[in-house]
Amino acid sequence: MRALLDTHVLVWWATDDARLSARAREVLSDPVNELLFSVASAWELVIKAQTGKLVLPEPPATYIPSRLSWYAIEPLPVDLRHVLGVADLPLHHRDPFDRLLVAQSRLENLPIVTADPLIAQYPVETIW
């Protein structure tokens, strides 16, 4: 299975956070699965670290690549069709990063591993 990780999922997995569901842990730990992390989520982590909303154990420039490498997660680039795909989405969710993840999920036919109930309101498969 190929799956797109929501931003919080990478952080929770890397910190062994109890909020990560058993099903999410199962998907993340199965080496057969191809896990993807959107460049938009990396950008979101950088912004949250810069504004003090998230404290990372090291700078984002080393934290993000090291965690992606450690967990064998591939970055998913953002391209123009992803950005334009946001225009087709109803405004269930106001967070621009999450809306972009939904567009990427739809266009790339990827389920999203997420605890966010607003994402589940879109016509995408969610795993939690």
Protein backbone atom coordinates (compact mmCIF):
# COMPACT_ATOMS: atom_id res chain seq x y z
CA MET A 1 0.00 0.00 0.00
CA ARG A 2 1.09 3.57 -0.71
CA ALA A 3 0.00 6.12 1.90
CA LEU A 4 0.42 9.84 2.51
CA LEU A 5 1.25 10.90 6.07
CA ASP A 6 -0.35 13.93 7.63
CA THR A 7 2.14 16.26 9.29
CA HIS A 8 1.32 15.27 12.86
CA VAL A 9 1.71 11.57 12.05
CA LEU A 10 5.42 11.89 11.32
CA VAL A 11 6.01 13.85 14.53
CA TRP A 12 3.93 11.47 16.64
CA TRP A 13 5.65 8.41 15.14
CA ALA A 14 9.12 9.87 15.67
CA THR A 15 8.28 10.63 19.32
CA ASP A 16 6.33 7.41 19.97
CA ASP A 17 3.34 9.54 20.94
CA ALA A 18 0.46 7.62 22.53
CA ARG A 19 -2.03 9.51 20.34
CA LEU A 20 -0.90 7.48 17.31
CA SER A 21 -3.57 4.84 16.72
CA ALA A 22 -2.86 1.12 16.58
CA ARG A 23 -3.96 1.01 12.93
CA ALA A 24 -1.66 3.92 12.03
CA ARG A 25 1.27 2.20 13.80
CA GLU A 26 0.53 -0.96 11.86
CA VAL A 27 0.60 0.86 8.50
CA LEU A 28 3.72 2.84 9.41
CA SER A 29 5.70 -0.15 10.63
CA ASP A 30 4.91 -2.51 7.74
CA PRO A 31 8.00 -2.45 5.48
CA VAL A 32 5.88 -3.47 2.49
CA ASN A 33 4.06 -0.11 2.56
CA GLU A 34 5.38 2.89 0.65
CA LEU A 35 5.04 5.94 2.86
CA LEU A 36 5.03 9.47 1.47
CA PHE A 37 5.41 12.84 3.18
CA SER A 38 4.31 15.93 1.33
CA VAL A 39 6.74 18.78 0.82
CA ALA A 40 3.82 20.93 2.04
CA SER A 41 3.98 19.12 5.39
CA ALA A 42 7.71 19.77 5.60
CA TRP A 43 6.97 23.46 5.01
CA GLU A 44 4.31 23.35 7.74
CA LEU A 45 6.83 21.87 10.21
CA VAL A 46 9.34 24.60 9.37
CA ILE A 47 6.75 27.32 9.99
CA LYS A 48 5.56 25.75 13.26
CA ALA A 49 9.15 25.42 14.49
CA GLN A 50 9.96 29.03 13.53
CA THR A 51 6.88 30.41 15.30
CA GLY A 52 7.44 28.32 18.43
CA LYS A 53 4.24 26.28 17.99
CA LEU A 54 6.33 23.11 17.77
CA VAL A 55 9.60 22.33 19.46
CA LEU A 56 11.77 19.91 17.53
CA PRO A 57 14.86 18.21 18.98
CA GLU A 58 16.98 19.67 16.18
CA PRO A 59 16.60 22.26 13.40
CA PRO A 60 13.99 21.38 10.75
CA ALA A 61 16.71 21.29 8.08
CA THR A 62 18.19 18.21 9.75
CA TYR A 63 15.16 16.86 11.63
CA ILE A 64 12.91 16.36 8.60
CA PRO A 65 15.43 14.67 6.26
CA SER A 66 16.79 12.47 9.04
CA ARG A 67 13.32 11.21 10.04
CA LEU A 68 12.31 10.60 6.43
CA SER A 69 15.51 8.63 5.89
CA TRP A 70 15.26 6.71 9.18
CA TYR A 71 11.67 5.62 8.47
CA ALA A 72 12.19 5.13 4.71
CA ILE A 73 9.58 7.78 3.84
CA GLU A 74 9.69 9.37 0.41
CA PRO A 75 9.01 13.06 -0.05
CA LEU A 76 6.01 13.85 -2.27
CA PRO A 77 6.68 17.00 -4.29
CA VAL A 78 3.97 19.61 -4.72
CA ASP A 79 3.24 20.36 -8.33
CA LEU A 80 0.90 22.75 -10.10
CA ARG A 81 -1.90 20.23 -10.52
CA HIS A 82 -1.89 19.61 -6.76
CA VAL A 83 -2.21 23.32 -6.05
CA LEU A 84 -4.95 23.75 -8.65
CA GLY A 85 -6.72 20.70 -7.24
CA VAL A 86 -7.36 22.65 -4.04
CA ALA A 87 -9.77 24.86 -6.01
CA ASP A 88 -12.14 21.90 -6.45
CA LEU A 89 -12.43 21.22 -2.73
CA PRO A 90 -15.31 22.38 -0.54
CA LEU A 91 -14.26 24.47 2.46
CA HIS A 92 -14.65 21.74 5.09
CA HIS A 93 -11.14 22.52 6.22
CA ARG A 94 -9.61 26.00 6.33
CA ASP A 95 -6.00 24.88 6.90
CA PRO A 96 -4.18 25.39 3.59
CA PHE A 97 -1.65 22.63 4.29
CA ASP A 98 -4.37 20.07 4.98
CA ARG A 99 -6.33 21.15 1.93
CA LEU A 100 -3.22 20.60 -0.19
CA LEU A 101 -2.78 17.13 1.33
CA VAL A 102 -6.38 16.32 0.38
CA ALA A 103 -5.74 17.48 -3.19
CA GLN A 104 -2.57 15.38 -3.36
CA SER A 105 -4.44 12.39 -1.96
CA ARG A 106 -7.17 12.71 -4.57
CA LEU A 107 -4.87 13.28 -7.53
CA GLU A 108 -2.31 10.63 -6.57
CA ASN A 109 -4.95 8.15 -5.35
CA LEU A 110 -3.34 7.87 -1.91
CA PRO A 111 -5.01 7.24 1.44
CA ILE A 112 -4.03 9.74 4.14
CA VAL A 113 -2.86 8.54 7.53
CA THR A 114 -4.40 11.18 9.79
CA ALA A 115 -6.24 11.76 13.05
CA ASP A 116 -7.87 14.90 11.61
CA PRO A 117 -11.66 14.38 11.41
CA LEU A 118 -12.07 17.31 9.00
CA ILE A 119 -9.96 15.53 6.37
CA ALA A 120 -12.34 12.56 6.59
CA GLN A 121 -15.14 14.85 5.35
CA TYR A 122 -13.53 14.89 1.91
CA PRO A 123 -13.89 12.10 -0.64
CA VAL A 124 -10.50 10.58 0.22
CA GLU A 125 -9.58 7.42 2.07
CA THR A 126 -8.27 8.04 5.55
CA ILE A 127 -6.47 5.63 7.83
CA TRP A 128 -6.60 5.98 11.54
